Amino acid sequence: MCCRYLVSGRVQGVFFRASTARQANRLGVTGWARNLPDGRVEVLASGEREALERFSAWLRRGPPAARVDELIAEPLPPERCADLDGFVTL
């Protein structure tokens, strides 16, 4: 399963991407996270359905210093995530 997330709120400058990578690694999710110029964080993630559900639930909360106001999730075709290996921050 492959999904793109857009996370809005206080999500830059609060170790959101690093915390996201740690959580993804715990759950066996591969992909990446990057800051966007508009203050949001974009995440591309691939994994088993249950792992992505748990990952999505975590993204809705984020790390302690973050404040997530909105999470948009967009399922993507599996081939979009075919080359992902591990989880990195960009």
N, C-alpha and C. Protein backbone atom coordinates (compact mmCIF):
# COMPACT_ATOMS: atom_id res chain seq x y z
N MET A 1 0.84 -1.17 0.00
CA MET A 1 0.00 0.00 0.00
C MET A 1 0.89 1.24 0.00
N CYS A 2 0.46 2.28 -0.69
CA CYS A 2 1.25 3.50 -0.84
C CYS A 2 0.33 4.70 -0.57
N CYS A 3 0.85 5.70 0.16
CA CYS A 3 0.03 6.85 0.49
C CYS A 3 0.89 8.10 0.59
N ARG A 4 0.31 9.22 0.18
CA ARG A 4 0.93 10.54 0.33
C ARG A 4 0.15 11.30 1.39
N TYR A 5 0.87 11.91 2.32
CA TYR A 5 0.26 12.68 3.40
C TYR A 5 0.74 14.11 3.34
N LEU A 6 -0.15 15.03 3.63
CA LEU A 6 0.20 16.43 3.83
C LEU A 6 -0.22 16.79 5.25
N VAL A 7 0.75 17.23 6.04
CA VAL A 7 0.52 17.51 7.45
C VAL A 7 0.65 19.02 7.67
N SER A 8 -0.40 19.64 8.23
CA SER A 8 -0.43 21.08 8.48
C SER A 8 -0.46 21.36 9.97
N GLY A 9 0.04 22.51 10.34
CA GLY A 9 0.05 22.93 11.74
C GLY A 9 1.45 23.39 12.10
N ARG A 10 1.81 23.23 13.36
CA ARG A 10 3.18 23.54 13.78
C ARG A 10 3.99 22.26 13.59
N VAL A 11 4.49 22.06 12.38
CA VAL A 11 5.14 20.80 12.03
C VAL A 11 6.56 21.00 11.47
N GLN A 12 7.02 22.24 11.42
CA GLN A 12 8.40 22.50 11.02
C GLN A 12 9.13 23.12 12.21
N GLY A 13 10.37 22.70 12.39
CA GLY A 13 11.17 23.22 13.51
C GLY A 13 10.88 22.55 14.83
N VAL A 14 10.18 21.42 14.80
CA VAL A 14 9.82 20.70 16.03
C VAL A 14 10.22 19.22 15.94
N PHE A 15 11.19 18.91 15.09
CA PHE A 15 11.69 17.54 14.88
C PHE A 15 10.62 16.60 14.34
N PHE A 16 9.68 17.17 13.58
CA PHE A 16 8.60 16.35 13.03
C PHE A 16 9.13 15.30 12.06
N ARG A 17 10.00 15.70 11.13
CA ARG A 17 10.49 14.74 10.13
C ARG A 17 11.34 13.65 10.77
N ALA A 18 12.21 14.01 11.70
CA ALA A 18 13.05 13.00 12.37
C ALA A 18 12.18 12.04 13.19
N SER A 19 11.20 12.57 13.88
CA SER A 19 10.29 11.72 14.66
C SER A 19 9.47 10.83 13.75
N THR A 20 9.07 11.37 12.60
CA THR A 20 8.31 10.58 11.62
C THR A 20 9.15 9.42 11.12
N ALA A 21 10.43 9.67 10.84
CA ALA A 21 11.32 8.60 10.38
C ALA A 21 11.47 7.51 11.44
N ARG A 22 11.63 7.91 12.70
CA ARG A 22 11.75 6.91 13.77
C ARG A 22 10.48 6.07 13.88
N GLN A 23 9.33 6.72 13.82
CA GLN A 23 8.06 5.99 13.92
C GLN A 23 7.89 5.05 12.72
N ALA A 24 8.22 5.52 11.53
CA ALA A 24 8.11 4.70 10.33
C ALA A 24 8.99 3.45 10.46
N ASN A 25 10.22 3.64 10.93
CA ASN A 25 11.12 2.50 11.09
C ASN A 25 10.59 1.50 12.10
N ARG A 26 9.98 1.98 13.17
CA ARG A 26 9.38 1.08 14.17
C ARG A 26 8.27 0.24 13.55
N LEU A 27 7.52 0.83 12.63
CA LEU A 27 6.36 0.16 12.04
C LEU A 27 6.69 -0.60 10.75
N GLY A 28 7.92 -0.50 10.26
CA GLY A 28 8.28 -1.16 9.02
C GLY A 28 7.76 -0.44 7.79
N VAL A 29 7.58 0.87 7.91
CA VAL A 29 7.09 1.69 6.80
C VAL A 29 8.30 2.31 6.09
N THR A 30 8.29 2.31 4.76
CA THR A 30 9.35 2.94 3.99
C THR A 30 8.83 4.23 3.38
N GLY A 31 9.75 5.12 3.00
CA GLY A 31 9.34 6.36 2.35
C GLY A 31 10.22 7.52 2.70
N TRP A 32 9.64 8.72 2.68
CA TRP A 32 10.38 9.93 3.00
C TRP A 32 9.44 11.00 3.53
N ALA A 33 10.06 12.00 4.18
CA ALA A 33 9.33 13.18 4.67
C ALA A 33 10.14 14.41 4.33
N ARG A 34 9.46 15.48 3.90
CA ARG A 34 10.16 16.71 3.57
C ARG A 34 9.31 17.92 3.94
N ASN A 35 10.00 19.01 4.29
CA ASN A 35 9.33 20.27 4.55
C ASN A 35 8.92 20.90 3.23
N LEU A 36 7.76 21.53 3.21
CA LEU A 36 7.29 22.28 2.05
C LEU A 36 7.43 23.78 2.33
N PRO A 37 7.58 24.59 1.29
CA PRO A 37 7.74 26.04 1.49
C PRO A 37 6.56 26.69 2.21
N ASP A 38 5.38 26.10 2.13
CA ASP A 38 4.19 26.69 2.76
C ASP A 38 4.03 26.33 4.24
N GLY A 39 5.03 25.64 4.82
CA GLY A 39 4.99 25.30 6.25
C GLY A 39 4.46 23.91 6.55
N ARG A 40 3.96 23.21 5.56
CA ARG A 40 3.49 21.85 5.77
C ARG A 40 4.64 20.86 5.63
N VAL A 41 4.37 19.61 6.02
CA VAL A 41 5.29 18.51 5.79
C VAL A 41 4.59 17.53 4.87
N GLU A 42 5.31 17.10 3.83
CA GLU A 42 4.81 16.09 2.90
C GLU A 42 5.49 14.77 3.24
N VAL A 43 4.70 13.70 3.27
CA VAL A 43 5.21 12.36 3.58
C VAL A 43 4.72 11.40 2.50
N LEU A 44 5.63 10.60 1.96
CA LEU A 44 5.28 9.52 1.05
C LEU A 44 5.64 8.24 1.78
N ALA A 45 4.68 7.34 1.92
CA ALA A 45 4.91 6.14 2.74
C ALA A 45 4.35 4.90 2.08
N SER A 46 5.04 3.79 2.32
CA SER A 46 4.63 2.51 1.78
C SER A 46 4.75 1.45 2.87
N GLY A 47 3.80 0.54 2.90
CA GLY A 47 3.83 -0.54 3.89
C GLY A 47 2.56 -1.35 3.87
N GLU A 48 2.47 -2.28 4.78
CA GLU A 48 1.26 -3.08 4.94
C GLU A 48 0.13 -2.17 5.44
N ARG A 49 -1.10 -2.53 5.10
CA ARG A 49 -2.25 -1.70 5.46
C ARG A 49 -2.29 -1.36 6.95
N GLU A 50 -2.11 -2.35 7.81
CA GLU A 50 -2.17 -2.11 9.26
C GLU A 50 -1.06 -1.16 9.71
N ALA A 51 0.13 -1.33 9.16
CA ALA A 51 1.25 -0.46 9.52
C ALA A 51 0.96 0.98 9.09
N LEU A 52 0.40 1.16 7.90
CA LEU A 52 0.08 2.52 7.44
C LEU A 52 -1.07 3.13 8.24
N GLU A 53 -2.01 2.31 8.69
CA GLU A 53 -3.08 2.83 9.55
C GLU A 53 -2.50 3.35 10.86
N ARG A 54 -1.58 2.60 11.45
CA ARG A 54 -0.94 3.03 12.70
C ARG A 54 -0.07 4.26 12.46
N PHE A 55 0.63 4.27 11.33
CA PHE A 55 1.47 5.41 10.96
C PHE A 55 0.62 6.66 10.78
N SER A 56 -0.50 6.54 10.08
CA SER A 56 -1.41 7.66 9.86
C SER A 56 -1.94 8.19 11.19
N ALA A 57 -2.30 7.29 12.09
CA ALA A 57 -2.78 7.71 13.42
C ALA A 57 -1.69 8.49 14.15
N TRP A 58 -0.45 8.05 14.03
CA TRP A 58 0.65 8.77 14.66
C TRP A 58 0.82 10.15 14.01
N LEU A 59 0.75 10.22 12.68
CA LEU A 59 0.89 11.51 11.98
C LEU A 59 -0.17 12.51 12.44
N ARG A 60 -1.36 12.04 12.79
CA ARG A 60 -2.42 12.94 13.26
C ARG A 60 -2.05 13.62 14.58
N ARG A 61 -1.18 12.97 15.36
CA ARG A 61 -0.73 13.53 16.65
C ARG A 61 0.64 14.19 16.51
N GLY A 62 1.56 13.52 15.84
CA GLY A 62 2.92 14.00 15.70
C GLY A 62 3.70 13.89 17.00
N PRO A 63 4.93 14.38 17.01
CA PRO A 63 5.75 14.35 18.22
C PRO A 63 5.24 15.38 19.24
N PRO A 64 5.71 15.30 20.48
CA PRO A 64 5.19 16.18 21.54
C PRO A 64 5.24 17.67 21.24
N ALA A 65 6.27 18.17 20.59
CA ALA A 65 6.39 19.62 20.35
C ALA A 65 5.53 20.11 19.18
N ALA A 66 4.98 19.19 18.40
CA ALA A 66 4.19 19.56 17.22
C ALA A 66 2.73 19.80 17.59
N ARG A 67 2.06 20.49 16.68
CA ARG A 67 0.61 20.63 16.76
C ARG A 67 0.09 20.37 15.35
N VAL A 68 -0.61 19.25 15.18
CA VAL A 68 -1.15 18.90 13.87
C VAL A 68 -2.57 19.44 13.78
N ASP A 69 -2.79 20.33 12.83
CA ASP A 69 -4.12 20.90 12.60
C ASP A 69 -4.90 20.13 11.55
N GLU A 70 -4.19 19.57 10.58
CA GLU A 70 -4.87 18.85 9.50
C GLU A 70 -3.93 17.81 8.91
N LEU A 71 -4.49 16.65 8.60
CA LEU A 71 -3.78 15.59 7.90
C LEU A 71 -4.60 15.19 6.69
N ILE A 72 -4.02 15.36 5.52
CA ILE A 72 -4.66 14.93 4.28
C ILE A 72 -3.93 13.68 3.81
N ALA A 73 -4.67 12.60 3.58
CA ALA A 73 -4.09 11.35 3.11
C ALA A 73 -4.63 11.04 1.72
N GLU A 74 -3.73 10.71 0.82
CA GLU A 74 -4.08 10.41 -0.57
C GLU A 74 -3.48 9.06 -0.96
N PRO A 75 -4.31 8.02 -1.13
CA PRO A 75 -3.77 6.74 -1.59
C PRO A 75 -3.17 6.90 -2.99
N LEU A 76 -2.07 6.21 -3.21
CA LEU A 76 -1.40 6.26 -4.50
C LEU A 76 -1.24 4.85 -5.06
N PRO A 77 -1.04 4.73 -6.37
CA PRO A 77 -0.80 3.41 -6.95
C PRO A 77 0.50 2.83 -6.38
N PRO A 78 0.54 1.53 -6.13
CA PRO A 78 1.73 0.91 -5.53
C PRO A 78 3.02 1.18 -6.30
N GLU A 79 2.94 1.29 -7.61
CA GLU A 79 4.17 1.52 -8.38
C GLU A 79 4.82 2.87 -8.05
N ARG A 80 4.06 3.80 -7.52
CA ARG A 80 4.61 5.10 -7.12
C ARG A 80 5.61 4.95 -5.97
N CYS A 81 5.45 3.88 -5.19
CA CYS A 81 6.32 3.64 -4.03
C CYS A 81 7.25 2.45 -4.23
N ALA A 82 7.34 1.95 -5.43
CA ALA A 82 8.09 0.72 -5.70
C ALA A 82 9.56 0.80 -5.35
N ASP A 83 10.19 1.95 -5.49
CA ASP A 83 11.62 2.07 -5.28
C ASP A 83 12.02 2.53 -3.88
N LEU A 84 11.07 2.64 -2.98
CA LEU A 84 11.38 3.12 -1.64
C LEU A 84 12.11 2.05 -0.84
N ASP A 85 13.18 2.48 -0.18
CA ASP A 85 13.99 1.56 0.62
C ASP A 85 14.35 2.28 1.92
N GLY A 86 13.76 1.85 3.02
CA GLY A 86 13.98 2.54 4.28
C GLY A 86 13.12 3.78 4.36
N PHE A 87 13.41 4.65 5.32
CA PHE A 87 12.68 5.90 5.47
C PHE A 87 13.70 7.01 5.69
N VAL A 88 13.60 8.07 4.89
CA VAL A 88 14.57 9.16 4.97
C VAL A 88 13.84 10.49 5.12
N THR A 89 14.57 11.48 5.61
CA THR A 89 14.05 12.84 5.62
C THR A 89 14.79 13.63 4.56
N LEU A 90 14.05 14.44 3.84
CA LEU A 90 14.64 15.24 2.75
C LEU A 90 14.65 16.70 3.14
